[in-house]
Structure formats: structure tokens, C-alpha cells
Amino acid sequence: MMPEEGLHPLMLQESEEVGAFRIVRRLATGGFGAIFLAESETRRQVALKFALQGPSEEDSPAADARTWKEVHVLMRLEHPNVVELLGYRRWPDARDGYLVLIMGYVEGPTLSEWALAAQPTPRRAVQVFQQLALTLDAIHRAGVLHRDIKGNNIIIRASDGQPVLVDFGSGDHACSPVLTEDTLPPGTPSYRSPEALRFWAQPRPAGSRYAFAPTDDLYSLGLVLYEVLTGSFPYPTQLPPAGLLASIESGGFPLPSVRNPRVPKALDAIVARLLSPSAAGRPPSGAALFDALDAALAGADSAWDEHLFPPLAPEEAVTEEALEFFDGDEEARELRHWMRVPERARPPASFAPPTEPASPWALTEVRASTGWRRWRDALKRLWATLRSWR
């Protein structure tokens, strides 16, 4: 039995009711689910995450199964820096409807948005990543792997400035069933660890699957730390797996303080360890990463309290997109968000990038291109004209 015709999560509109909740707006849409901000009769705000297929949709049952797996993963976690699972149900039919996760709503920007808008100092950035290191340590000790650590899956909570891990849709636990037939677990391709990419590239017995480990999550966190410190990715973006692996194994990325001189050199060694091509070269746990960051902070001087990037001019400032124009595709919005930022820090001329060709959409190439500069200059002129009309 299929859900009633016309009742699909993506068709939900503002003010529609889902059980005891009223839809406020859509927050994000992914391949398997859609998230809405909603509120109860008492005005409590929650996040409703819907699977995009029901349990009876035989052509594509993965979304329902993956959302159900996320329920079981989140039920094992109770941590102030992990999104809270409040309950779950099916909608609109209690047996054959779409699975809905009812979660605590975390108000605040994603880590990527925060890094661009808040212009943090090295000290503040390290404090955020110290808390993320402890959070990863806690979930790993609980037997949970996130498997999709990236800036878009971390929220800086507006009420206290604490980072919160969200979106455990790719998460796993030792007792969870295997849902995919792929050799690699779900996740964002550019954030995969070198050992995962090697497993994908090498000959292997039929049916073998990669054994994801805590050091894979730590590698992804190292990529996010590099992005926050430098405003860029260490490797060309959107490379195919083979090209990304070649770039990693070439060792061809500049250290954070080379890419951005405002980064304290004490952080170079920590980032280099996190991005080690070998799992054995990384910190073995989130607790070990916390200790390394704490030791770096112990020797901090006044330079750690300077902004990582100089303040942007008003016409270059990153602004939020109007909600009425947001289509719910959070991944695309994050890419647009970074692309609206002018060049912040570039590698020195002596640095030779990997020979593997980057995608035409590689962010470093877009920022450095002549076309981008022309576009940026045109926007500046338009801004100046609009200001003169006031």
C-alpha cells in the first residue's frame, strides 16, 4: 500500500500540519531525505526529517531503510554536541507512510557559513575544533561512525557558539545492517580518506566492503579544519576518485600557514597529521586530537587573536540567500556561498599544484580565473550604482 496520492514530503507547504506539528519552512533536501523546520502547539521548534520513499516503494527502498538506520544510530547517542532525536513516526499513514525523524532544531549557521561570516581568529577556530574532537571521541566510544563529516554537517549553535554534529544519515554502528551493495559506504566523495580510495581502486574479492574506522572521520575533520584556516580545499575539488587519490599521494598541498600566513605555524603539524596519507600517521582518537590542539593553544601569542582573514568590504561581504529563492538544495547553496567570496588566500607562486586536471567547477580555479575577476568587478560597479540611488 502506497501513501495517499498527492501526500509526498516534498509537496509540504508552509502552515501544513504533520501530526502535532505545523510546517514553518523547508531547511534542506538531500538524496534520501528532506528536512523541515516545524513547531508544536506550544511553539517549540523542531526539525522534521522525512525519508523521500516509503517502505512499500520496491523500486527505491533505500531512503526508508537509511532513515530507519539513522534512528537506530541516534538512539545510541546522547551528547550536547550531537543533534537530539526526540522521536519518530510515519506520515501520513502509520504503517505505510514516509518515515519522519523528529529532532531538536539547532538554530545557527553551518560551520562553513560561520567561517566566512564570523571571521574567526585562530584561537576561536581551534576552540571549535577542540569541541568537535571531543564529540567525535564520544560517538566513536559509543560505537558510532558519522561517515560524512564536512562543514555543511556541523552547525554552530547560535545560543552558545558550540558546534553540533548533524545529519547521521550516512552513520553506522557495529550492530547496524548493511544497506548498500557498493564497496564504499555512503558519504561525500571529496571527503573520503586515502585508505578508502585505495580500497576502491585496488582489485578485491567480489562482495568485499571497506571497513570504515574512526581515523576516516578524523581525516574528514582535518579537511574541514584546513578549509576554515585557509578558505580553500587542499586538493582540486570534484576530482574523480583516481585523480583525488593521485593528488593525495603526491603530497602536493601547501601547509595552512603557507596558504594563509595568518595561520599560526603550530597548527601546520596538526593539520599535516590529520591529512596523513596513512591512517597510522593520524591522531588515533578525537581525545588525542584535542590534546594536540590544547598543546598548540598553550603556546599561543597575540597573533592567535587576529582574524584569520582581513574584514571584507561591504560590497564583497557574503550575504544569505532570500528564503523565497532557496530551493532546499543545501549542497548547491553551500557551493554558491563559497563562490560568492573573493580570493582570500592563494598559494605562493612557487607552489606547483598536482598535475591531475581539476574540474571546471573547481573552486580554486573559479576564484582565480579572469572571468571571475570580471564578474566580481561588475558586481562591485552594480553595488556602487545601487548605493547611489538611495
Protein backbone atom coordinates (compact mmCIF):
# COMPACT_ATOMS: atom_id res chain seq x y z
CA MET A 1 0.00 0.00 0.00
CA MET A 2 1.39 3.40 -1.02
CA PRO A 3 0.92 6.69 0.85
CA GLU A 4 -2.15 8.62 -0.20
CA GLU A 5 -1.82 10.20 -3.63
CA GLY A 6 -0.50 13.76 -3.51
CA LEU A 7 0.89 13.45 0.01
CA HIS A 8 4.64 13.49 -0.51
CA PRO A 9 7.15 15.25 1.79
CA LEU A 10 8.46 17.47 -0.99
CA MET A 11 4.96 18.85 -1.54
CA LEU A 12 4.58 20.07 2.04
CA GLN A 13 3.97 23.82 2.25
CA GLU A 14 4.15 26.43 4.98
CA SER A 15 1.46 26.07 7.68
CA GLU A 16 0.55 22.49 6.71
CA GLU A 17 0.18 20.11 9.64
CA VAL A 18 2.15 16.93 10.20
CA GLY A 19 0.72 15.25 13.25
CA ALA A 20 1.11 17.67 16.16
CA PHE A 21 3.45 19.96 14.21
CA ARG A 22 2.97 22.83 11.77
CA ILE A 23 5.45 23.28 8.92
CA VAL A 24 7.35 26.60 9.02
CA ARG A 25 9.66 26.13 6.03
CA ARG A 26 11.91 23.63 4.28
CA LEU A 27 15.51 23.70 5.52
CA ALA A 28 17.33 21.29 3.21
CA THR A 29 16.90 18.49 0.68
CA GLY A 30 19.29 15.63 0.03
CA GLY A 31 19.31 12.44 -1.99
CA PHE A 32 17.42 10.42 0.62
CA GLY A 33 15.58 12.95 2.77
CA ALA A 34 14.13 16.41 3.25
CA ILE A 35 14.29 18.47 6.45
CA PHE A 36 11.66 20.98 7.54
CA LEU A 37 11.51 23.45 10.38
CA ALA A 38 8.25 22.92 12.26
CA GLU A 39 6.69 23.98 15.53
CA SER A 40 4.29 22.42 18.01
CA GLU A 41 1.18 23.92 19.56
CA THR A 42 3.39 25.19 22.39
CA ARG A 43 5.60 26.96 19.79
CA ARG A 44 8.51 24.60 20.37
CA GLN A 45 10.58 24.38 17.23
CA VAL A 46 11.77 21.02 15.90
CA ALA A 47 13.38 19.69 12.74
CA LEU A 48 11.37 17.07 10.84
CA LYS A 49 13.46 14.82 8.59
CA PHE A 50 11.38 12.86 6.05
CA ALA A 51 12.51 9.85 4.05
CA LEU A 52 11.68 10.51 0.41
CA GLN A 53 10.39 6.99 -0.24
CA GLY A 54 8.03 4.85 1.78
CA PRO A 55 8.67 1.24 2.90
CA SER A 56 6.47 -0.18 0.13
CA GLU A 57 8.23 1.54 -2.76
CA GLU A 58 10.06 -1.50 -4.12
CA ASP A 59 11.86 0.42 -6.85
CA SER A 60 13.79 2.55 -4.35
CA PRO A 61 13.62 1.28 -0.77
CA ALA A 62 17.00 2.72 0.25
CA ALA A 63 15.71 6.05 1.57
CA ASP A 64 13.34 4.43 4.05
CA ALA A 65 15.93 1.90 5.21
CA ARG A 66 18.63 4.54 5.60
CA THR A 67 16.37 6.85 7.59
CA TRP A 68 15.40 3.92 9.81
CA LYS A 69 19.10 3.17 10.31
CA GLU A 70 19.65 6.81 11.30
CA VAL A 71 17.01 6.35 14.01
CA HIS A 72 18.94 3.45 15.50
CA VAL A 73 22.26 5.32 15.32
CA LEU A 74 20.87 8.44 17.04
CA MET A 75 19.17 6.36 19.73
CA ARG A 76 22.65 5.33 20.89
CA LEU A 77 23.82 8.91 21.30
CA GLU A 78 23.11 11.45 23.99
CA HIS A 79 25.57 14.32 23.78
CA PRO A 80 25.19 18.12 23.96
CA ASN A 81 27.08 18.49 20.69
CA VAL A 82 25.05 15.93 18.74
CA VAL A 83 21.62 16.67 17.28
CA GLU A 84 18.92 15.28 19.58
CA LEU A 85 16.44 12.63 18.43
CA LEU A 86 13.08 13.38 20.07
CA GLY A 87 11.05 10.66 18.38
CA TYR A 88 9.92 9.21 15.07
CA ARG A 89 6.71 8.21 13.28
CA ARG A 90 5.30 7.54 9.83
CA TRP A 91 3.29 10.06 7.83
CA PRO A 92 0.58 10.26 6.64
CA ASP A 93 -0.16 6.58 7.27
CA ALA A 94 1.11 4.95 10.48
CA ARG A 95 2.05 1.73 8.68
CA ASP A 96 2.98 2.59 5.09
CA GLY A 97 3.76 6.29 5.30
CA TYR A 98 7.06 8.09 4.98
CA LEU A 99 9.34 7.73 7.99
CA VAL A 100 9.79 11.03 9.86
CA LEU A 101 12.52 11.77 12.41
CA ILE A 102 11.57 14.39 14.99
CA MET A 103 14.78 16.12 16.08
CA GLY A 104 15.78 19.11 18.14
CA TYR A 105 16.13 22.19 15.94
CA VAL A 106 19.65 23.62 16.10
CA GLU A 107 19.49 27.28 15.20
CA GLY A 108 22.65 28.74 13.72
CA PRO A 109 24.86 28.76 10.62
CA THR A 110 26.72 25.78 9.24
CA LEU A 111 30.40 25.70 10.10
CA SER A 112 31.21 26.74 6.52
CA GLU A 113 28.86 29.74 6.72
CA TRP A 114 30.20 30.67 10.16
CA ALA A 115 33.82 30.56 8.98
CA LEU A 116 33.01 33.02 6.21
CA ALA A 117 30.70 35.37 8.10
CA ALA A 118 32.16 35.39 11.63
CA GLN A 119 35.78 35.84 10.50
CA PRO A 120 37.10 33.79 13.46
CA THR A 121 40.55 34.13 14.99
CA PRO A 122 42.87 31.10 15.10
CA ARG A 123 42.16 30.78 18.82
CA ARG A 124 38.40 30.68 18.31
CA ALA A 125 38.69 28.24 15.39
CA VAL A 126 40.84 25.88 17.45
CA GLN A 127 38.38 26.03 20.35
CA VAL A 128 35.58 24.97 17.99
CA PHE A 129 37.63 22.07 16.64
CA GLN A 130 38.65 21.01 20.14
CA GLN A 131 34.98 20.53 20.94
CA LEU A 132 34.45 18.68 17.66
CA ALA A 133 37.38 16.40 18.54
CA LEU A 134 35.80 15.56 21.90
CA THR A 135 32.43 15.00 20.24
CA LEU A 136 33.93 12.57 17.74
CA ASP A 137 35.73 10.82 20.56
CA ALA A 138 32.42 10.38 22.42
CA ILE A 139 30.47 9.00 19.46
CA HIS A 140 33.35 6.69 18.48
CA ARG A 141 33.47 5.29 22.03
CA ALA A 142 29.73 4.67 21.70
CA GLY A 143 30.49 2.60 18.60
CA VAL A 144 29.06 5.14 16.15
CA LEU A 145 30.77 6.38 12.99
CA HIS A 146 29.45 9.54 11.32
CA ARG A 147 30.97 8.83 7.87
CA ASP A 148 30.06 12.22 6.38
CA ILE A 149 31.97 14.86 8.34
CA LYS A 150 32.02 18.17 6.44
CA GLY A 151 31.31 21.82 7.15
CA ASN A 152 27.72 21.51 5.99
CA ASN A 153 27.01 18.81 8.62
CA ILE A 154 28.18 20.91 11.56
CA ILE A 155 26.03 23.72 12.98
CA ILE A 156 27.43 26.50 15.18
CA ARG A 157 24.64 26.81 17.72
CA ALA A 158 23.52 30.43 17.97
CA SER A 159 22.67 30.24 21.68
CA ASP A 160 26.18 29.35 22.90
CA GLY A 161 28.53 29.17 19.90
CA GLN A 162 29.05 25.42 20.34
CA PRO A 163 29.44 23.14 17.29
CA VAL A 164 26.75 20.48 16.85
CA LEU A 165 27.10 17.39 14.66
CA VAL A 166 24.02 16.82 12.49
CA ASP A 167 22.90 14.53 9.65
CA PHE A 168 23.74 10.98 10.67
CA GLY A 169 22.07 9.67 7.52
CA SER A 170 25.36 8.06 6.48
CA GLY A 171 26.17 6.99 10.04
CA ASP A 172 26.87 3.44 11.13
CA HIS A 173 27.07 1.24 14.20
CA ALA A 174 28.53 -2.23 14.58
CA CYS A 175 25.05 -3.70 15.10
CA SER A 176 23.51 -1.90 12.11
CA PRO A 177 22.61 -3.85 8.96
CA VAL A 178 24.50 -3.33 5.70
CA LEU A 179 22.25 -1.37 3.35
CA THR A 180 24.32 -0.76 0.24
CA GLU A 181 25.95 -3.07 -2.26
CA ASP A 182 28.71 -0.56 -3.02
CA THR A 183 32.27 -1.23 -1.93
CA LEU A 184 32.44 2.13 -0.11
CA PRO A 185 29.93 3.44 2.44
CA PRO A 186 27.80 6.48 1.61
CA GLY A 187 29.36 9.90 2.06
CA THR A 188 30.73 12.91 0.23
CA PRO A 189 33.35 11.73 -2.32
CA SER A 190 35.85 14.58 -1.88
CA TYR A 191 35.99 13.92 1.89
CA ARG A 192 36.90 10.24 1.64
CA SER A 193 40.13 9.11 3.27
CA PRO A 194 43.10 7.91 1.19
CA GLU A 195 42.73 4.36 2.53
CA ALA A 196 39.08 4.30 1.42
CA LEU A 197 40.08 5.49 -2.05
CA ARG A 198 42.85 2.86 -2.24
CA PHE A 199 40.36 0.16 -1.32
CA TRP A 200 38.10 1.39 -4.11
CA ALA A 201 40.96 1.42 -6.64
CA GLN A 202 42.58 -1.94 -5.87
CA PRO A 203 41.46 -5.39 -7.04
CA ARG A 204 39.29 -7.02 -4.37
CA PRO A 205 37.15 -10.13 -3.90
CA ALA A 206 33.55 -9.86 -5.01
CA GLY A 207 31.26 -8.61 -2.26
CA SER A 208 34.04 -7.12 -0.14
CA ARG A 209 33.30 -3.80 1.59
CA TYR A 210 35.50 -1.14 3.09
CA ALA A 211 35.80 -1.21 6.88
CA PHE A 212 35.28 2.43 7.90
CA ALA A 213 37.24 3.45 11.02
CA PRO A 214 37.39 6.43 13.41
CA THR A 215 40.52 7.64 11.59
CA ASP A 216 38.36 8.11 8.47
CA ASP A 217 36.17 10.58 10.38
CA LEU A 218 39.31 12.32 11.69
CA TYR A 219 40.68 12.67 8.16
CA SER A 220 37.45 14.36 7.06
CA LEU A 221 37.63 16.66 10.08
CA GLY A 222 41.17 17.57 9.02
CA LEU A 223 39.87 18.66 5.62
CA VAL A 224 37.26 20.85 7.32
CA LEU A 225 39.91 22.39 9.58
CA TYR A 226 42.06 23.15 6.53
CA GLU A 227 39.10 24.87 4.85
CA VAL A 228 38.36 27.02 7.90
CA LEU A 229 42.00 28.06 8.31
CA THR A 230 42.73 28.79 4.65
CA GLY A 231 39.38 29.40 2.96
CA SER A 232 40.18 26.71 0.41
CA PHE A 233 40.48 22.96 -0.10
CA PRO A 234 43.92 21.28 -0.07
CA TYR A 235 43.21 19.47 -3.35
CA PRO A 236 41.37 20.40 -6.55
CA THR A 237 37.67 19.96 -5.89
CA GLN A 238 35.40 17.45 -7.60
CA LEU A 239 38.19 15.23 -8.89
CA PRO A 240 37.21 11.65 -9.72
CA PRO A 241 38.38 9.14 -7.08
CA ALA A 242 41.51 8.14 -9.01
CA GLY A 243 42.55 11.76 -9.52
CA LEU A 244 41.89 12.63 -5.88
CA LEU A 245 43.95 9.67 -4.69
CA ALA A 246 46.81 10.68 -7.01
CA SER A 247 46.73 14.22 -5.61
CA ILE A 248 46.78 12.96 -2.03
CA GLU A 249 49.63 10.52 -2.59
CA SER A 250 51.70 13.16 -4.37
CA GLY A 251 51.85 15.12 -1.10
CA GLY A 252 51.17 18.22 -3.15
CA PHE A 253 49.26 20.60 -0.91
CA PRO A 254 50.65 23.68 0.83
CA LEU A 255 50.58 23.78 4.62
CA PRO A 256 47.92 26.07 6.10
CA SER A 257 50.41 28.79 7.08
CA VAL A 258 51.78 28.78 3.51
CA ARG A 259 48.30 29.13 2.02
CA ASN A 260 47.34 31.74 4.63
CA PRO A 261 50.18 33.49 6.54
CA ARG A 262 47.75 34.40 9.34
CA VAL A 263 47.57 30.74 10.40
CA PRO A 264 49.93 30.00 13.34
CA LYS A 265 52.67 27.62 12.27
CA ALA A 266 51.93 25.44 15.31
CA LEU A 267 48.79 24.28 13.51
CA ASP A 268 50.67 23.08 10.42
CA ALA A 269 51.87 19.88 12.06
CA ILE A 270 48.41 19.08 13.43
CA VAL A 271 46.73 19.53 10.04
CA ALA A 272 49.51 17.55 8.32
CA ARG A 273 48.92 14.65 10.76
CA LEU A 274 45.16 14.73 10.23
CA LEU A 275 45.67 14.65 6.45
CA SER A 276 48.32 11.94 6.56
CA PRO A 277 48.01 9.53 3.59
CA SER A 278 48.24 6.72 6.17
CA ALA A 279 45.73 6.12 8.96
CA ALA A 280 48.65 5.25 11.26
CA GLY A 281 50.03 8.76 10.81
CA ARG A 282 46.88 10.44 12.18
CA PRO A 283 45.86 11.02 15.79
CA PRO A 284 44.36 7.70 16.94
CA SER A 285 41.31 9.32 18.53
CA GLY A 286 39.41 12.55 18.99
CA ALA A 287 40.85 12.79 22.50
CA ALA A 288 44.39 12.68 21.09
CA LEU A 289 43.48 15.44 18.63
CA PHE A 290 42.08 17.52 21.48
CA ASP A 291 45.38 17.15 23.36
CA ALA A 292 47.39 18.22 20.31
CA LEU A 293 45.22 21.31 19.81
CA ASP A 294 45.42 22.09 23.53
CA ALA A 295 49.22 21.93 23.44
CA ALA A 296 49.24 24.33 20.49
CA LEU A 297 46.96 26.74 22.36
CA ALA A 298 49.25 26.64 25.39
CA GLY A 299 51.94 28.36 23.36
CA ALA A 300 49.61 30.87 21.68
CA ASP A 301 50.68 34.51 21.43
CA SER A 302 48.79 37.65 20.44
CA ALA A 303 48.79 36.61 16.76
CA TRP A 304 46.23 33.94 17.65
CA ASP A 305 43.72 36.71 18.39
CA GLU A 306 43.95 38.32 14.95
CA HIS A 307 41.29 37.41 12.38
CA LEU A 308 42.26 34.62 10.00
CA PHE A 309 41.26 36.90 7.11
CA PRO A 310 41.02 40.69 6.85
CA PRO A 311 37.48 42.11 7.04
CA LEU A 312 35.64 42.20 3.72
CA ALA A 313 34.47 45.42 2.15
CA PRO A 314 30.66 45.84 2.33
CA GLU A 315 30.21 45.14 -1.37
CA GLU A 316 32.20 41.91 -1.02
CA ALA A 317 30.50 40.60 2.10
CA VAL A 318 28.79 37.23 1.90
CA THR A 319 25.04 37.52 2.36
CA GLU A 320 22.36 34.89 2.94
CA GLU A 321 20.09 33.99 0.07
CA ALA A 322 16.48 35.07 0.49
CA LEU A 323 14.42 32.13 1.73
CA GLU A 324 11.84 32.56 -1.02
CA PHE A 325 14.54 31.81 -3.61
CA PHE A 326 16.06 28.82 -1.74
CA ASP A 327 15.11 25.52 -3.39
CA GLY A 328 16.17 23.42 -0.41
CA ASP A 329 19.33 22.04 -2.05
CA GLU A 330 21.78 22.66 0.79
CA GLU A 331 24.80 21.27 -1.08
CA ALA A 332 24.33 23.64 -4.01
CA ARG A 333 23.72 26.60 -1.68
CA GLU A 334 26.96 25.93 0.19
CA LEU A 335 28.91 25.86 -3.08
CA ARG A 336 27.27 29.13 -4.19
CA HIS A 337 28.05 30.57 -0.75
CA TRP A 338 31.78 29.89 -1.08
CA MET A 339 31.85 31.03 -4.72
CA ARG A 340 30.50 34.46 -3.75
CA VAL A 341 33.62 35.08 -1.68
CA PRO A 342 36.53 36.85 -3.44
CA GLU A 343 40.01 35.42 -3.26
CA ARG A 344 41.03 35.24 0.40
CA ALA A 345 44.31 33.39 0.36
CA ARG A 346 46.24 31.87 -2.52
CA PRO A 347 49.23 29.53 -2.56
CA PRO A 348 52.57 31.16 -3.37
CA ALA A 349 53.69 31.29 -6.96
CA SER A 350 56.36 28.68 -6.22
CA PHE A 351 53.77 26.09 -5.29
CA ALA A 352 53.12 23.64 -8.11
CA PRO A 353 49.62 22.17 -7.96
CA PRO A 354 49.06 18.49 -8.77
CA THR A 355 49.22 17.68 -12.46
CA GLU A 356 45.82 15.95 -12.36
CA PRO A 357 43.43 18.31 -14.17
CA ALA A 358 40.78 19.85 -11.95
CA SER A 359 37.11 20.05 -12.81
CA PRO A 360 35.98 23.30 -14.50
CA TRP A 361 33.95 23.83 -11.32
CA ALA A 362 36.98 23.58 -9.01
CA LEU A 363 36.56 26.38 -6.54
CA THR A 364 40.23 27.40 -6.59
CA GLU A 365 40.07 27.73 -10.37
CA VAL A 366 36.84 29.71 -10.33
CA ARG A 367 38.26 32.20 -7.87
CA ALA A 368 41.49 32.64 -9.76
CA SER A 369 40.05 32.92 -13.25
CA THR A 370 39.94 36.13 -15.22
CA GLY A 371 36.23 35.62 -15.78
CA TRP A 372 35.66 35.53 -12.03
CA ARG A 373 37.51 38.82 -11.58
CA ARG A 374 35.44 40.44 -14.34
CA TRP A 375 32.26 39.15 -12.71
CA ARG A 376 33.37 40.40 -9.30
CA ASP A 377 34.25 43.85 -10.70
CA ALA A 378 30.88 44.06 -12.44
CA LEU A 379 29.12 43.25 -9.18
CA LYS A 380 31.12 45.97 -7.41
CA ARG A 381 30.08 48.52 -10.02
CA LEU A 382 26.45 47.42 -9.74
CA TRP A 383 26.62 47.73 -5.95
CA ALA A 384 28.07 51.21 -6.21
CA THR A 385 25.29 52.23 -8.62
CA LEU A 386 22.57 50.85 -6.34
CA ARG A 387 24.03 52.69 -3.36
CA SER A 388 23.97 55.95 -5.33
CA TRP A 389 20.21 55.53 -5.89
CA ARG A 390 19.42 55.51 -2.18
